[in-house]
Amino acid sequence: MKLVVDRDLCEANGTCVNVAPEAFELDDDDVLHLQVVEPADDTQRERLEAAIRSCPRTALSWKT
């Protein structure tokens, strides 16, 4: 299971960065970068799932 971002949907509002700052980064051009694509443990998986749920554009998801 890997975390993916749909670049067509992402508006770089930073909600995911607030939820899981270790996993997401917005650069100076407001481009979202994934720092974590596979959760290291259940705690991190839960934080990534919270970030997915918090995305107002549903740009984040799991890919199997």
C-alpha atoms as a PDB file:
ATOM      1  CA  MET A   1       0.000   0.000   0.000  1.00  0.00           C
ATOM      2  CA  LYS A   2       1.485   3.328  -1.110  1.00  0.00           C
ATOM      3  CA  LEU A   3       0.359   6.880  -0.632  1.00  0.00           C
ATOM      4  CA  VAL A   4      -0.251   8.779  -3.872  1.00  0.00           C
ATOM      5  CA  VAL A   5      -1.268  12.327  -4.744  1.00  0.00           C
ATOM      6  CA  ASP A   6      -3.405  13.221  -7.748  1.00  0.00           C
ATOM      7  CA  ARG A   7      -1.596  16.303  -9.084  1.00  0.00           C
ATOM      8  CA  ASP A   8      -4.669  17.348 -11.084  1.00  0.00           C
ATOM      9  CA  LEU A   9      -6.759  17.569  -7.908  1.00  0.00           C
ATOM     10  CA  CYS A  10      -4.172  18.873  -5.428  1.00  0.00           C
ATOM     11  CA  GLU A  11      -4.503  22.604  -4.773  1.00  0.00           C
ATOM     12  CA  ALA A  12      -1.625  22.689  -2.261  1.00  0.00           C
ATOM     13  CA  ASN A  13      -3.681  24.130   0.558  1.00  0.00           C
ATOM     14  CA  GLY A  14      -1.454  22.395   3.113  1.00  0.00           C
ATOM     15  CA  THR A  15      -4.114  20.625   5.164  1.00  0.00           C
ATOM     16  CA  CYS A  16      -2.188  17.360   4.884  1.00  0.00           C
ATOM     17  CA  VAL A  17       1.011  19.104   5.995  1.00  0.00           C
ATOM     18  CA  ASN A  18      -0.748  20.236   9.173  1.00  0.00           C
ATOM     19  CA  VAL A  19      -1.998  16.716   9.902  1.00  0.00           C
ATOM     20  CA  ALA A  20       1.214  14.806   9.103  1.00  0.00           C
ATOM     21  CA  PRO A  21       4.143  17.206   8.637  1.00  0.00           C
ATOM     22  CA  GLU A  22       6.645  14.347   8.551  1.00  0.00           C
ATOM     23  CA  ALA A  23       4.982  12.969   5.427  1.00  0.00           C
ATOM     24  CA  PHE A  24       4.219  16.058   3.328  1.00  0.00           C
ATOM     25  CA  GLU A  25       6.074  19.172   2.255  1.00  0.00           C
ATOM     26  CA  LEU A  26       5.027  22.174   0.199  1.00  0.00           C
ATOM     27  CA  ASP A  27       7.848  23.817  -1.695  1.00  0.00           C
ATOM     28  CA  ASP A  28       8.195  27.520  -2.519  1.00  0.00           C
ATOM     29  CA  ASP A  29       6.147  27.003  -5.694  1.00  0.00           C
ATOM     30  CA  ASP A  30       3.290  25.376  -3.723  1.00  0.00           C
ATOM     31  CA  VAL A  31       4.002  21.919  -5.102  1.00  0.00           C
ATOM     32  CA  LEU A  32       3.236  19.082  -2.701  1.00  0.00           C
ATOM     33  CA  HIS A  33       6.014  16.533  -2.146  1.00  0.00           C
ATOM     34  CA  LEU A  34       5.492  13.216  -0.406  1.00  0.00           C
ATOM     35  CA  GLN A  35       8.199  12.522   2.161  1.00  0.00           C
ATOM     36  CA  VAL A  36       6.626   9.189   3.134  1.00  0.00           C
ATOM     37  CA  VAL A  37       4.880   6.890   0.668  1.00  0.00           C
ATOM     38  CA  GLU A  38       4.691   3.739   2.772  1.00  0.00           C
ATOM     39  CA  PRO A  39       3.822   3.938   6.471  1.00  0.00           C
ATOM     40  CA  ALA A  40       6.533   2.689   8.802  1.00  0.00           C
ATOM     41  CA  ASP A  41       4.071   1.537  11.459  1.00  0.00           C
ATOM     42  CA  ASP A  42       0.394   1.614  12.476  1.00  0.00           C
ATOM     43  CA  THR A  43       0.717   5.030  14.108  1.00  0.00           C
ATOM     44  CA  GLN A  44       2.069   6.586  10.945  1.00  0.00           C
ATOM     45  CA  ARG A  45      -0.542   4.791   8.849  1.00  0.00           C
ATOM     46  CA  GLU A  46      -3.262   6.314  11.036  1.00  0.00           C
ATOM     47  CA  ARG A  47      -1.773   9.797  10.591  1.00  0.00           C
ATOM     48  CA  LEU A  48      -1.592   9.325   6.825  1.00  0.00           C
ATOM     49  CA  GLU A  49      -5.195   8.130   6.763  1.00  0.00           C
ATOM     50  CA  ALA A  50      -6.189  11.239   8.728  1.00  0.00           C
ATOM     51  CA  ALA A  51      -4.360  13.369   6.156  1.00  0.00           C
ATOM     52  CA  ILE A  52      -6.186  11.569   3.332  1.00  0.00           C
ATOM     53  CA  ARG A  53      -9.538  12.246   5.020  1.00  0.00           C
ATOM     54  CA  SER A  54      -8.641  15.894   5.641  1.00  0.00           C
ATOM     55  CA  CYS A  55      -7.880  16.691   1.993  1.00  0.00           C
ATOM     56  CA  PRO A  56     -10.675  18.973   0.747  1.00  0.00           C
ATOM     57  CA  ARG A  57     -10.038  17.975  -2.875  1.00  0.00           C
ATOM     58  CA  THR A  58      -9.642  14.212  -2.198  1.00  0.00           C
ATOM     59  CA  ALA A  59      -6.261  14.358  -3.924  1.00  0.00           C
ATOM     60  CA  LEU A  60      -4.649  11.819  -1.584  1.00  0.00           C
ATOM     61  CA  SER A  61      -5.282   8.083  -1.655  1.00  0.00           C
ATOM     62  CA  TRP A  62      -3.786   4.642  -1.181  1.00  0.00           C
ATOM     63  CA  LYS A  63      -2.607   2.631  -4.163  1.00  0.00           C
ATOM     64  CA  THR A  64      -2.160  -1.117  -3.847  1.00  0.00           C
END
